[in-house]
Full PDB file with SEQRES, HELIX, SHEET, SSBOND, CRYST1, ORIGX, SCALE, CONECT and MASTER records, all heavy atoms in Angstrom:
SEQRES   1 A   45  ASN ALA ASP LYS LEU LEU GLN MET ARG ASP ASP PRO GLU          
SEQRES   2 A   45  MET ASP ALA CYS VAL ARG ARG CYS GLU ILE VAL ASN ALA          
SEQRES   3 A   45  ASP GLY ALA SER MET VAL MET ALA ALA LYS LYS LEU GLY          
SEQRES   4 A   45  VAL ASP LEU PRO GLU ARG                                      
HELIX    1 AA1 ALA A    2  ASP A   10  1                                   9    
HELIX    2 AA2 PRO A   12  ARG A   20  1                                   9    
HELIX    3 AA3 ALA A   29  LEU A   38  1                                  10    
CRYST1    1.000    1.000    1.000  90.00  90.00  90.00 P 1           1          
ORIGX1      1.000000  0.000000  0.000000        0.00000                         
ORIGX2      0.000000  1.000000  0.000000        0.00000                         
ORIGX3      0.000000  0.000000  1.000000        0.00000                         
SCALE1      1.000000  0.000000  0.000000        0.00000                         
SCALE2      0.000000  1.000000  0.000000        0.00000                         
SCALE3      0.000000  0.000000  1.000000        0.00000                         
ATOM      1  N   ASN A   1       9.773 -14.618  -2.077  1.00  0.00           N  
ATOM      2  CA  ASN A   1       9.699 -15.880  -2.795  1.00  0.00           C  
ATOM      3  C   ASN A   1       8.218 -16.207  -3.002  1.00  0.00           C  
ATOM      4  O   ASN A   1       7.349 -15.359  -2.754  1.00  0.00           O  
ATOM      5  CB  ASN A   1      10.421 -16.982  -2.024  1.00  0.00           C  
ATOM      6  CG  ASN A   1       9.931 -17.095  -0.578  1.00  0.00           C  
ATOM      7  OD1 ASN A   1       8.837 -16.634  -0.239  1.00  0.00           O  
ATOM      8  ND2 ASN A   1      10.740 -17.700   0.275  1.00  0.00           N  
ATOM      9  N   ALA A   2       7.926 -17.414  -3.462  1.00  0.00           N  
ATOM     10  CA  ALA A   2       6.536 -17.779  -3.730  1.00  0.00           C  
ATOM     11  C   ALA A   2       5.677 -17.659  -2.473  1.00  0.00           C  
ATOM     12  O   ALA A   2       4.553 -17.149  -2.503  1.00  0.00           O  
ATOM     13  CB  ALA A   2       6.471 -19.197  -4.291  1.00  0.00           C  
ATOM     14  N   ASP A   3       6.208 -18.125  -1.346  1.00  0.00           N  
ATOM     15  CA  ASP A   3       5.448 -18.090  -0.096  1.00  0.00           C  
ATOM     16  C   ASP A   3       5.169 -16.659   0.343  1.00  0.00           C  
ATOM     17  O   ASP A   3       4.059 -16.325   0.759  1.00  0.00           O  
ATOM     18  CB  ASP A   3       6.220 -18.837   0.991  1.00  0.00           C  
ATOM     19  CG  ASP A   3       5.458 -18.907   2.293  1.00  0.00           C  
ATOM     20  OD1 ASP A   3       4.332 -19.443   2.304  1.00  0.00           O  
ATOM     21  OD2 ASP A   3       5.975 -18.422   3.317  1.00  0.00           O  
ATOM     22  N   LYS A   4       6.186 -15.797   0.249  1.00  0.00           N  
ATOM     23  CA  LYS A   4       6.005 -14.404   0.657  1.00  0.00           C  
ATOM     24  C   LYS A   4       4.992 -13.702  -0.250  1.00  0.00           C  
ATOM     25  O   LYS A   4       4.181 -12.890   0.207  1.00  0.00           O  
ATOM     26  CB  LYS A   4       7.331 -13.655   0.609  1.00  0.00           C  
ATOM     27  CG  LYS A   4       7.296 -12.240   1.162  1.00  0.00           C  
ATOM     28  CD  LYS A   4       7.111 -12.243   2.664  1.00  0.00           C  
ATOM     29  CE  LYS A   4       8.344 -12.813   3.340  1.00  0.00           C  
ATOM     30  NZ  LYS A   4       8.195 -12.953   4.795  1.00  0.00           N  
ATOM     31  N   LEU A   5       5.052 -13.996  -1.540  1.00  0.00           N  
ATOM     32  CA  LEU A   5       4.102 -13.403  -2.478  1.00  0.00           C  
ATOM     33  C   LEU A   5       2.670 -13.786  -2.112  1.00  0.00           C  
ATOM     34  O   LEU A   5       1.764 -12.943  -2.131  1.00  0.00           O  
ATOM     35  CB  LEU A   5       4.431 -13.849  -3.896  1.00  0.00           C  
ATOM     36  CG  LEU A   5       3.563 -13.256  -5.015  1.00  0.00           C  
ATOM     37  CD1 LEU A   5       4.413 -13.009  -6.259  1.00  0.00           C  
ATOM     38  CD2 LEU A   5       2.400 -14.183  -5.374  1.00  0.00           C  
ATOM     39  N   LEU A   6       2.465 -15.047  -1.728  1.00  0.00           N  
ATOM     40  CA  LEU A   6       1.126 -15.486  -1.336  1.00  0.00           C  
ATOM     41  C   LEU A   6       0.703 -14.837  -0.019  1.00  0.00           C  
ATOM     42  O   LEU A   6      -0.478 -14.502   0.161  1.00  0.00           O  
ATOM     43  CB  LEU A   6       1.092 -17.006  -1.220  1.00  0.00           C  
ATOM     44  CG  LEU A   6       1.312 -17.771  -2.535  1.00  0.00           C  
ATOM     45  CD1 LEU A   6       1.342 -19.269  -2.281  1.00  0.00           C  
ATOM     46  CD2 LEU A   6       0.243 -17.421  -3.568  1.00  0.00           C  
ATOM     47  N   GLN A   7       1.653 -14.658   0.907  1.00  0.00           N  
ATOM     48  CA  GLN A   7       1.350 -13.945   2.148  1.00  0.00           C  
ATOM     49  C   GLN A   7       0.870 -12.530   1.847  1.00  0.00           C  
ATOM     50  O   GLN A   7      -0.061 -12.032   2.484  1.00  0.00           O  
ATOM     51  CB  GLN A   7       2.586 -13.883   3.044  1.00  0.00           C  
ATOM     52  CG  GLN A   7       2.996 -15.188   3.685  1.00  0.00           C  
ATOM     53  CD  GLN A   7       4.210 -15.016   4.582  1.00  0.00           C  
ATOM     54  OE1 GLN A   7       4.311 -14.067   5.346  1.00  0.00           O  
ATOM     55  NE2 GLN A   7       5.169 -15.925   4.481  1.00  0.00           N  
ATOM     56  N   MET A   8       1.515 -11.882   0.882  1.00  0.00           N  
ATOM     57  CA  MET A   8       1.119 -10.525   0.511  1.00  0.00           C  
ATOM     58  C   MET A   8      -0.301 -10.501  -0.022  1.00  0.00           C  
ATOM     59  O   MET A   8      -1.063  -9.563   0.256  1.00  0.00           O  
ATOM     60  CB  MET A   8       2.073  -9.971  -0.547  1.00  0.00           C  
ATOM     61  CG  MET A   8       3.481  -9.693  -0.055  1.00  0.00           C  
ATOM     62  SD  MET A   8       4.569  -9.171  -1.404  1.00  0.00           S  
ATOM     63  CE  MET A   8       3.792  -7.596  -1.851  1.00  0.00           C  
ATOM     64  N   ARG A   9      -0.675 -11.511  -0.776  1.00  0.00           N  
ATOM     65  CA  ARG A   9      -2.028 -11.554  -1.343  1.00  0.00           C  
ATOM     66  C   ARG A   9      -3.084 -11.808  -0.270  1.00  0.00           C  
ATOM     67  O   ARG A   9      -4.216 -11.358  -0.398  1.00  0.00           O  
ATOM     68  CB  ARG A   9      -2.102 -12.635  -2.425  1.00  0.00           C  
ATOM     69  CG  ARG A   9      -1.407 -12.223  -3.726  1.00  0.00           C  
ATOM     70  CD  ARG A   9      -1.439 -13.334  -4.767  1.00  0.00           C  
ATOM     71  NE  ARG A   9      -0.999 -12.812  -6.060  1.00  0.00           N  
ATOM     72  CZ  ARG A   9      -1.810 -12.445  -7.039  1.00  0.00           C  
ATOM     73  NH1 ARG A   9      -3.123 -12.526  -6.872  1.00  0.00           N  
ATOM     74  NH2 ARG A   9      -1.339 -11.984  -8.177  1.00  0.00           N  
ATOM     75  N   ASP A  10      -2.700 -12.534   0.785  1.00  0.00           N  
ATOM     76  CA  ASP A  10      -3.658 -12.904   1.821  1.00  0.00           C  
ATOM     77  C   ASP A  10      -3.714 -11.908   2.977  1.00  0.00           C  
ATOM     78  O   ASP A  10      -4.685 -11.893   3.740  1.00  0.00           O  
ATOM     79  CB  ASP A  10      -3.307 -14.291   2.384  1.00  0.00           C  
ATOM     80  CG  ASP A  10      -3.438 -15.395   1.353  1.00  0.00           C  
ATOM     81  OD1 ASP A  10      -4.183 -15.201   0.374  1.00  0.00           O  
ATOM     82  OD2 ASP A  10      -2.786 -16.448   1.529  1.00  0.00           O  
ATOM     83  N   ASP A  11      -2.658 -11.103   3.127  1.00  0.00           N  
ATOM     84  CA  ASP A  11      -2.534 -10.240   4.299  1.00  0.00           C  
ATOM     85  C   ASP A  11      -2.154  -8.822   3.882  1.00  0.00           C  
ATOM     86  O   ASP A  11      -1.009  -8.553   3.519  1.00  0.00           O  
ATOM     87  CB  ASP A  11      -1.460 -10.819   5.227  1.00  0.00           C  
ATOM     88  CG  ASP A  11      -1.293 -10.018   6.513  1.00  0.00           C  
ATOM     89  OD1 ASP A  11      -1.996  -9.001   6.684  1.00  0.00           O  
ATOM     90  OD2 ASP A  11      -0.449 -10.407   7.342  1.00  0.00           O  
ATOM     91  N   PRO A  12      -3.105  -7.888   3.932  1.00  0.00           N  
ATOM     92  CA  PRO A  12      -2.817  -6.500   3.549  1.00  0.00           C  
ATOM     93  C   PRO A  12      -1.668  -5.889   4.346  1.00  0.00           C  
ATOM     94  O   PRO A  12      -0.922  -5.053   3.835  1.00  0.00           O  
ATOM     95  CB  PRO A  12      -4.141  -5.775   3.831  1.00  0.00           C  
ATOM     96  CG  PRO A  12      -5.180  -6.844   3.757  1.00  0.00           C  
ATOM     97  CD  PRO A  12      -4.520  -8.074   4.294  1.00  0.00           C  
ATOM     98  N   GLU A  13      -1.525  -6.296   5.614  1.00  0.00           N  
ATOM     99  CA  GLU A  13      -0.436  -5.772   6.439  1.00  0.00           C  
ATOM    100  C   GLU A  13       0.919  -6.192   5.874  1.00  0.00           C  
ATOM    101  O   GLU A  13       1.857  -5.388   5.805  1.00  0.00           O  
ATOM    102  CB  GLU A  13      -0.576  -6.276   7.875  1.00  0.00           C  
ATOM    103  CG  GLU A  13       0.521  -5.750   8.805  1.00  0.00           C  
ATOM    104  CD  GLU A  13       0.441  -6.348  10.197  1.00  0.00           C  
ATOM    105  OE1 GLU A  13      -0.475  -7.140  10.463  1.00  0.00           O  
ATOM    106  OE2 GLU A  13       1.318  -6.022  11.024  1.00  0.00           O  
ATOM    107  N   MET A  14       1.029  -7.456   5.451  1.00  0.00           N  
ATOM    108  CA  MET A  14       2.279  -7.927   4.866  1.00  0.00           C  
ATOM    109  C   MET A  14       2.536  -7.239   3.530  1.00  0.00           C  
ATOM    110  O   MET A  14       3.674  -6.869   3.214  1.00  0.00           O  
ATOM    111  CB  MET A  14       2.229  -9.445   4.673  1.00  0.00           C  
ATOM    112  CG  MET A  14       3.499 -10.028   4.035  1.00  0.00           C  
ATOM    113  SD  MET A  14       4.982  -9.807   5.056  1.00  0.00           S  
ATOM    114  CE  MET A  14       4.678 -11.056   6.327  1.00  0.00           C  
ATOM    115  N   ASP A  15       1.489  -7.055   2.752  1.00  0.00           N  
ATOM    116  CA  ASP A  15       1.639  -6.385   1.460  1.00  0.00           C  
ATOM    117  C   ASP A  15       2.190  -4.972   1.650  1.00  0.00           C  
ATOM    118  O   ASP A  15       3.137  -4.560   0.975  1.00  0.00           O  
ATOM    119  CB  ASP A  15       0.281  -6.329   0.755  1.00  0.00           C  
ATOM    120  CG  ASP A  15       0.376  -5.687  -0.620  1.00  0.00           C  
ATOM    121  OD1 ASP A  15       0.771  -6.378  -1.575  1.00  0.00           O  
ATOM    122  OD2 ASP A  15       0.072  -4.480  -0.734  1.00  0.00           O  
ATOM    123  N   ALA A  16       1.618  -4.237   2.602  1.00  0.00           N  
ATOM    124  CA  ALA A  16       2.078  -2.868   2.866  1.00  0.00           C  
ATOM    125  C   ALA A  16       3.505  -2.862   3.386  1.00  0.00           C  
ATOM    126  O   ALA A  16       4.311  -1.994   3.037  1.00  0.00           O  
ATOM    127  CB  ALA A  16       1.144  -2.195   3.864  1.00  0.00           C  
ATOM    128  N   CYS A  17       3.828  -3.843   4.208  1.00  0.00           N  
ATOM    129  CA  CYS A  17       5.174  -3.934   4.775  1.00  0.00           C  
ATOM    130  C   CYS A  17       6.216  -4.132   3.682  1.00  0.00           C  
ATOM    131  O   CYS A  17       7.235  -3.431   3.653  1.00  0.00           O  
ATOM    132  CB  CYS A  17       5.240  -5.096   5.768  1.00  0.00           C  
ATOM    133  SG  CYS A  17       6.899  -5.413   6.403  1.00  0.00           S  
ATOM    134  N   VAL A  18       5.977  -5.077   2.778  1.00  0.00           N  
ATOM    135  CA  VAL A  18       6.936  -5.346   1.707  1.00  0.00           C  
ATOM    136  C   VAL A  18       7.129  -4.108   0.846  1.00  0.00           C  
ATOM    137  O   VAL A  18       8.247  -3.766   0.458  1.00  0.00           O  
ATOM    138  CB  VAL A  18       6.485  -6.543   0.850  1.00  0.00           C  
ATOM    139  CG1 VAL A  18       7.406  -6.721  -0.362  1.00  0.00           C  
ATOM    140  CG2 VAL A  18       6.476  -7.828   1.684  1.00  0.00           C  
ATOM    141  N   ARG A  19       6.046  -3.414   0.558  1.00  0.00           N  
ATOM    142  CA  ARG A  19       6.138  -2.225  -0.293  1.00  0.00           C  
ATOM    143  C   ARG A  19       6.870  -1.073   0.398  1.00  0.00           C  
ATOM    144  O   ARG A  19       7.372  -0.177  -0.268  1.00  0.00           O  
ATOM    145  CB  ARG A  19       4.731  -1.794  -0.743  1.00  0.00           C  
ATOM    146  CG  ARG A  19       4.062  -2.843  -1.621  1.00  0.00           C  
ATOM    147  CD  ARG A  19       2.703  -2.451  -2.116  1.00  0.00           C  
ATOM    148  NE  ARG A  19       2.060  -3.586  -2.772  1.00  0.00           N  
ATOM    149  CZ  ARG A  19       2.317  -3.969  -4.018  1.00  0.00           C  
ATOM    150  NH1 ARG A  19       3.185  -3.292  -4.744  1.00  0.00           N  
ATOM    151  NH2 ARG A  19       1.721  -5.020  -4.546  1.00  0.00           N  
ATOM    152  N   ARG A  20       6.911  -1.082   1.732  1.00  0.00           N  
ATOM    153  CA  ARG A  20       7.667  -0.064   2.465  1.00  0.00           C  
ATOM    154  C   ARG A  20       9.166  -0.352   2.482  1.00  0.00           C  
ATOM    155  O   ARG A  20       9.963   0.551   2.728  1.00  0.00           O  
ATOM    156  CB  ARG A  20       7.186   0.023   3.923  1.00  0.00           C  
ATOM    157  CG  ARG A  20       5.962   0.864   4.145  1.00  0.00           C  
ATOM    158  CD  ARG A  20       5.813   1.259   5.616  1.00  0.00           C  
ATOM    159  NE  ARG A  20       5.737   0.114   6.509  1.00  0.00           N  
ATOM    160  CZ  ARG A  20       4.614  -0.528   6.807  1.00  0.00           C  
ATOM    161  NH1 ARG A  20       3.473  -0.164   6.248  1.00  0.00           N  
ATOM    162  NH2 ARG A  20       4.609  -1.541   7.653  1.00  0.00           N  
ATOM    163  N   CYS A  21       9.538  -1.593   2.265  1.00  0.00           N  
ATOM    164  CA  CYS A  21      10.941  -1.986   2.423  1.00  0.00           C  
ATOM    165  C   CYS A  21      11.850  -1.238   1.455  1.00  0.00           C  
ATOM    166  O   CYS A  21      11.517  -1.043   0.289  1.00  0.00           O  
ATOM    167  CB  CYS A  21      11.097  -3.492   2.222  1.00  0.00           C  
ATOM    168  SG  CYS A  21      10.392  -4.460   3.566  1.00  0.00           S  
ATOM    169  N   GLU A  22      13.008  -0.853   1.959  1.00  0.00           N  
ATOM    170  CA  GLU A  22      13.964  -0.111   1.150  1.00  0.00           C  
ATOM    171  C   GLU A  22      14.602  -0.977   0.073  1.00  0.00           C  
ATOM    172  O   GLU A  22      14.939  -0.491  -1.012  1.00  0.00           O  
ATOM    173  CB  GLU A  22      15.050   0.491   2.059  1.00  0.00           C  
ATOM    174  CG  GLU A  22      14.639   1.735   2.820  1.00  0.00           C  
ATOM    175  CD  GLU A  22      13.571   1.481   3.878  1.00  0.00           C  
ATOM    176  OE1 GLU A  22      13.433   0.324   4.375  1.00  0.00           O  
ATOM    177  OE2 GLU A  22      12.863   2.443   4.224  1.00  0.00           O  
ATOM    178  N   ILE A  23      14.783  -2.253   0.355  1.00  0.00           N  
ATOM    179  CA  ILE A  23      15.353  -3.184  -0.632  1.00  0.00           C  
ATOM    180  C   ILE A  23      14.531  -4.465  -0.617  1.00  0.00           C  
ATOM    181  O   ILE A  23      14.330  -5.073   0.434  1.00  0.00           O  
ATOM    182  CB  ILE A  23      16.827  -3.499  -0.324  1.00  0.00           C  
ATOM    183  CG1 ILE A  23      17.684  -2.225  -0.420  1.00  0.00           C  
ATOM    184  CG2 ILE A  23      17.365  -4.566  -1.282  1.00  0.00           C  
ATOM    185  CD1 ILE A  23      19.157  -2.427  -0.091  1.00  0.00           C  
ATOM    186  N   VAL A  24      14.054  -4.877  -1.796  1.00  0.00           N  
ATOM    187  CA  VAL A  24      13.278  -6.103  -1.944  1.00  0.00           C  
ATOM    188  C   VAL A  24      13.974  -6.995  -2.971  1.00  0.00           C  
ATOM    189  O   VAL A  24      14.048  -6.643  -4.152  1.00  0.00           O  
ATOM    190  CB  VAL A  24      11.829  -5.827  -2.403  1.00  0.00           C  
ATOM    191  CG1 VAL A  24      11.044  -7.133  -2.483  1.00  0.00           C  
ATOM    192  CG2 VAL A  24      11.137  -4.838  -1.472  1.00  0.00           C  
ATOM    193  N   ASN A  25      14.488  -8.116  -2.517  1.00  0.00           N  
ATOM    194  CA  ASN A  25      15.191  -9.037  -3.412  1.00  0.00           C  
ATOM    195  C   ASN A  25      14.318 -10.209  -3.827  1.00  0.00           C  
ATOM    196  O   ASN A  25      13.355 -10.558  -3.140  1.00  0.00           O  
ATOM    197  CB  ASN A  25      16.448  -9.596  -2.732  1.00  0.00           C  
ATOM    198  CG  ASN A  25      17.539  -8.564  -2.573  1.00  0.00           C  
ATOM    199  OD1 ASN A  25      18.029  -8.334  -1.475  1.00  0.00           O  
ATOM    200  ND2 ASN A  25      17.939  -7.940  -3.670  1.00  0.00           N  
ATOM    201  N   ALA A  26      14.670 -10.814  -4.940  1.00  0.00           N  
ATOM    202  CA  ALA A  26      14.026 -12.053  -5.377  1.00  0.00           C  
ATOM    203  C   ALA A  26      14.722 -13.203  -4.666  1.00  0.00           C  
ATOM    204  O   ALA A  26      15.747 -13.699  -5.107  1.00  0.00           O  
ATOM    205  CB  ALA A  26      14.143 -12.209  -6.891  1.00  0.00           C  
ATOM    206  N   ASP A  27      14.176 -13.603  -3.530  1.00  0.00           N  
ATOM    207  CA  ASP A  27      14.753 -14.699  -2.744  1.00  0.00           C  
ATOM    208  C   ASP A  27      13.957 -15.956  -3.045  1.00  0.00           C  
ATOM    209  O   ASP A  27      13.105 -16.363  -2.280  1.00  0.00           O  
ATOM    210  CB  ASP A  27      14.698 -14.365  -1.255  1.00  0.00           C  
ATOM    211  CG  ASP A  27      15.257 -15.481  -0.383  1.00  0.00           C  
ATOM    212  OD1 ASP A  27      15.817 -16.445  -0.931  1.00  0.00           O  
ATOM    213  OD2 ASP A  27      15.128 -15.392   0.846  1.00  0.00           O  
ATOM    214  N   GLY A  28      14.248 -16.541  -4.172  1.00  0.00           N  
ATOM    215  CA  GLY A  28      13.508 -17.730  -4.582  1.00  0.00           C  
ATOM    216  C   GLY A  28      13.611 -17.919  -6.080  1.00  0.00           C  
ATOM    217  O   GLY A  28      13.366 -16.973  -6.845  1.00  0.00           O  
ATOM    218  N   ALA A  29      13.973 -19.132  -6.487  1.00  0.00           N  
ATOM    219  CA  ALA A  29      14.081 -19.422  -7.913  1.00  0.00           C  
ATOM    220  C   ALA A  29      12.738 -19.254  -8.607  1.00  0.00           C  
ATOM    221  O   ALA A  29      12.673 -18.919  -9.795  1.00  0.00           O  
ATOM    222  CB  ALA A  29      14.608 -20.843  -8.110  1.00  0.00           C  
ATOM    223  N   SER A  30      11.638 -19.448  -7.851  1.00  0.00           N  
ATOM    224  CA  SER A  30      10.301 -19.323  -8.425  1.00  0.00           C  
ATOM    225  C   SER A  30      10.057 -17.907  -8.936  1.00  0.00           C  
ATOM    226  O   SER A  30       9.415 -17.714  -9.974  1.00  0.00           O  
ATOM    227  CB  SER A  30       9.243 -19.680  -7.378  1.00  0.00           C  
ATOM    228  OG  SER A  30       9.390 -18.868  -6.223  1.00  0.00           O  
ATOM    229  N   MET A  31      10.583 -16.910  -8.227  1.00  0.00           N  
ATOM    230  CA  MET A  31      10.388 -15.516  -8.639  1.00  0.00           C  
ATOM    231  C   MET A  31      11.165 -15.205  -9.915  1.00  0.00           C  
ATOM    232  O   MET A  31      10.658 -14.518 -10.813  1.00  0.00           O  
ATOM    233  CB  MET A  31      10.814 -14.574  -7.522  1.00  0.00           C  
ATOM    234  CG  MET A  31       9.959 -14.650  -6.272  1.00  0.00           C  
ATOM    235  SD  MET A  31       8.232 -14.164  -6.548  1.00  0.00           S  
ATOM    236  CE  MET A  31       8.432 -12.412  -6.859  1.00  0.00           C  
ATOM    237  N   VAL A  32      12.378 -15.710  -9.996  1.00  0.00           N  
ATOM    238  CA  VAL A  32      13.194 -15.489 -11.197  1.00  0.00           C  
ATOM    239  C   VAL A  32      12.559 -16.192 -12.396  1.00  0.00           C  
ATOM    240  O   VAL A  32      12.491 -15.638 -13.496  1.00  0.00           O  
ATOM    241  CB  VAL A  32      14.631 -15.991 -10.969  1.00  0.00           C  
ATOM    242  CG1 VAL A  32      15.469 -15.808 -12.233  1.00  0.00           C  
ATOM    243  CG2 VAL A  32      15.277 -15.236  -9.811  1.00  0.00           C  
ATOM    244  N   MET A  33      12.070 -17.410 -12.170  1.00  0.00           N  
ATOM    245  CA  MET A  33      11.417 -18.161 -13.240  1.00  0.00           C  
ATOM    246  C   MET A  33      10.149 -17.459 -13.715  1.00  0.00           C  
ATOM    247  O   MET A  33       9.893 -17.335 -14.919  1.00  0.00           O  
ATOM    248  CB  MET A  33      11.094 -19.575 -12.748  1.00  0.00           C  
ATOM    249  CG  MET A  33      10.360 -20.474 -13.751  1.00  0.00           C  
ATOM    250  SD  MET A  33       8.561 -20.257 -13.710  1.00  0.00           S  
ATOM    251  CE  MET A  33       8.193 -20.779 -12.037  1.00  0.00           C  
ATOM    252  N   ALA A  34       9.348 -16.969 -12.745  1.00  0.00           N  
ATOM    253  CA  ALA A  34       8.111 -16.284 -13.095  1.00  0.00           C  
ATOM    254  C   ALA A  34       8.404 -15.000 -13.865  1.00  0.00           C  
ATOM    255  O   ALA A  34       7.721 -14.683 -14.853  1.00  0.00           O  
ATOM    256  CB  ALA A  34       7.314 -15.971 -11.832  1.00  0.00           C  
ATOM    257  N   ALA A  35       9.421 -14.273 -13.426  1.00  0.00           N  
ATOM    258  CA  ALA A  35       9.789 -13.029 -14.110  1.00  0.00           C  
ATOM    259  C   ALA A  35      10.181 -13.303 -15.555  1.00  0.00           C  
ATOM    260  O   ALA A  35       9.779 -12.578 -16.472  1.00  0.00           O  
ATOM    261  CB  ALA A  35      10.951 -12.363 -13.378  1.00  0.00           C  
ATOM    262  N   LYS A  36      10.953 -14.342 -15.775  1.00  0.00           N  
ATOM    263  CA  LYS A  36      11.378 -14.686 -17.126  1.00  0.00           C  
ATOM    264  C   LYS A  36      10.188 -15.025 -18.005  1.00  0.00           C  
ATOM    265  O   LYS A  36      10.097 -14.589 -19.154  1.00  0.00           O  
ATOM    266  CB  LYS A  36      12.346 -15.870 -17.083  1.00  0.00           C  
ATOM    267  CG  LYS A  36      12.909 -16.268 -18.433  1.00  0.00           C  
ATOM    268  CD  LYS A  36      13.926 -17.395 -18.293  1.00  0.00           C  
ATOM    269  CE  LYS A  36      14.495 -17.781 -19.653  1.00  0.00           C  
ATOM    270  NZ  LYS A  36      15.487 -18.891 -19.524  1.00  0.00           N  
ATOM    271  N   LYS A  37       9.247 -15.773 -17.455  1.00  0.00           N  
ATOM    272  CA  LYS A  37       8.068 -16.171 -18.221  1.00  0.00           C  
ATOM    273  C   LYS A  37       7.194 -14.971 -18.568  1.00  0.00           C  
ATOM    274  O   LYS A  37       6.557 -14.936 -19.626  1.00  0.00           O  
ATOM    275  CB  LYS A  37       7.256 -17.197 -17.428  1.00  0.00           C  
ATOM    276  CG  LYS A  37       6.132 -17.854 -18.233  1.00  0.00           C  
ATOM    277  CD  LYS A  37       5.504 -18.980 -17.462  1.00  0.00           C  
ATOM    278  CE  LYS A  37       4.415 -19.680 -18.276  1.00  0.00           C  
ATOM    279  NZ  LYS A  37       4.962 -20.334 -19.502  1.00  0.00           N  
ATOM    280  N   LEU A  38       7.204 -13.969 -17.683  1.00  0.00           N  
ATOM    281  CA  LEU A  38       6.369 -12.786 -17.891  1.00  0.00           C  
ATOM    282  C   LEU A  38       7.102 -11.652 -18.598  1.00  0.00           C  
ATOM    283  O   LEU A  38       6.558 -10.572 -18.782  1.00  0.00           O  
ATOM    284  CB  LEU A  38       5.841 -12.294 -16.545  1.00  0.00           C  
ATOM    285  CG  LEU A  38       4.906 -13.269 -15.794  1.00  0.00           C  
ATOM    286  CD1 LEU A  38       4.591 -12.739 -14.412  1.00  0.00           C  
ATOM    287  CD2 LEU A  38       3.628 -13.513 -16.591  1.00  0.00           C  
ATOM    288  N   GLY A  39       8.366 -11.894 -18.951  1.00  0.00           N  
ATOM    289  CA  GLY A  39       9.129 -10.885 -19.676  1.00  0.00           C  
ATOM    290  C   GLY A  39       9.655  -9.763 -18.801  1.00  0.00           C  
ATOM    291  O   GLY A  39       9.924  -8.663 -19.278  1.00  0.00           O  
ATOM    292  N   VAL A  40       9.819 -10.046 -17.505  1.00  0.00           N  
ATOM    293  CA  VAL A  40      10.358  -9.057 -16.559  1.00  0.00           C  
ATOM    294  C   VAL A  40      11.822  -9.382 -16.311  1.00  0.00           C  
ATOM    295  O   VAL A  40      12.169 -10.530 -16.033  1.00  0.00           O  
ATOM    296  CB  VAL A  40       9.586  -9.077 -15.231  1.00  0.00           C  
ATOM    297  CG1 VAL A  40      10.181  -8.069 -14.246  1.00  0.00           C  
ATOM    298  CG2 VAL A  40       8.109  -8.794 -15.461  1.00  0.00           C  
ATOM    299  N   ASP A  41      12.676  -8.390 -16.377  1.00  0.00           N  
ATOM    300  CA  ASP A  41      14.113  -8.624 -16.244  1.00  0.00           C  
ATOM    301  C   ASP A  41      14.534  -8.684 -14.770  1.00  0.00           C  
ATOM    302  O   ASP A  41      14.540  -7.684 -14.074  1.00  0.00           O  
ATOM    303  CB  ASP A  41      14.895  -7.509 -16.962  1.00  0.00           C  
ATOM    304  CG  ASP A  41      16.392  -7.761 -16.947  1.00  0.00           C  
ATOM    305  OD1 ASP A  41      16.783  -8.935 -16.821  1.00  0.00           O  
ATOM    306  OD2 ASP A  41      17.167  -6.794 -17.064  1.00  0.00           O  
ATOM    307  N   LEU A  42      14.875  -9.886 -14.299  1.00  0.00           N  
ATOM    308  CA  LEU A  42      15.462 -10.090 -12.977  1.00  0.00           C  
ATOM    309  C   LEU A  42      16.792 -10.795 -13.196  1.00  0.00           C  
ATOM    310  O   LEU A  42      16.812 -11.921 -13.690  1.00  0.00           O  
ATOM    311  CB  LEU A  42      14.563 -10.957 -12.090  1.00  0.00           C  
ATOM    312  CG  LEU A  42      13.418 -10.298 -11.345  1.00  0.00           C  
ATOM    313  CD1 LEU A  42      12.726 -11.311 -10.438  1.00  0.00           C  
ATOM    314  CD2 LEU A  42      13.894  -9.121 -10.522  1.00  0.00           C  
ATOM    315  N   PRO A  43      17.910 -10.161 -12.859  1.00  0.00           N  
ATOM    316  CA  PRO A  43      19.209 -10.730 -13.192  1.00  0.00           C  
ATOM    317  C   PRO A  43      19.549 -12.027 -12.485  1.00  0.00           C  
ATOM    318  O   PRO A  43      20.169 -12.919 -13.068  1.00  0.00           O  
ATOM    319  CB  PRO A  43      20.188  -9.617 -12.808  1.00  0.00           C  
ATOM    320  CG  PRO A  43      19.468  -8.837 -11.754  1.00  0.00           C  
ATOM    321  CD  PRO A  43      18.030  -8.863 -12.171  1.00  0.00           C  
ATOM    322  N   GLU A  44      19.140 -12.179 -11.214  1.00  0.00           N  
ATOM    323  CA  GLU A  44      19.500 -13.388 -10.480  1.00  0.00           C  
ATOM    324  C   GLU A  44      18.750 -13.463  -9.169  1.00  0.00           C  
ATOM    325  O   GLU A  44      18.189 -12.477  -8.685  1.00  0.00           O  
ATOM    326  CB  GLU A  44      21.008 -13.428 -10.192  1.00  0.00           C  
ATOM    327  CG  GLU A  44      21.509 -12.287  -9.310  1.00  0.00           C  
ATOM    328  CD  GLU A  44      23.015 -12.307  -9.142  1.00  0.00           C  
ATOM    329  OE1 GLU A  44      23.715 -12.894  -9.994  1.00  0.00           O  
ATOM    330  OE2 GLU A  44      23.505 -11.716  -8.156  1.00  0.00           O  
ATOM    331  N   ARG A  45      18.769 -14.645  -8.606  1.00  0.00           N  
ATOM    332  CA  ARG A  45      18.214 -14.843  -7.272  1.00  0.00           C  
ATOM    333  C   ARG A  45      19.208 -14.316  -6.239  1.00  0.00           C  
ATOM    334  O   ARG A  45      20.415 -14.521  -6.359  1.00  0.00           O  
ATOM    335  CB  ARG A  45      17.973 -16.330  -7.026  1.00  0.00           C  
ATOM    336  CG  ARG A  45      17.472 -16.661  -5.632  1.00  0.00           C  
ATOM    337  CD  ARG A  45      17.530 -18.151  -5.360  1.00  0.00           C  
ATOM    338  NE  ARG A  45      17.062 -18.462  -4.015  1.00  0.00           N  
ATOM    339  CZ  ARG A  45      17.318 -19.591  -3.369  1.00  0.00           C  
ATOM    340  NH1 ARG A  45      18.043 -20.531  -3.953  1.00  0.00           N  
ATOM    341  NH2 ARG A  45      16.860 -19.788  -2.145  1.00  0.00           N  
TER     342      ARG A  45                                                      
MASTER        0    0    0    3    0    0    0    6  341    1    0    4          
END                                                                             
């Protein structure tokens, strides 16, 4: 979500961890909204 995305930007360890994850979901309406604005297809939260 928005908070996790900011954690990734501030903490290289968190960024690497998220990228290692086998499944990463959009857990947050902010992510779906941002994807739509940027033309990225995210079906749902």
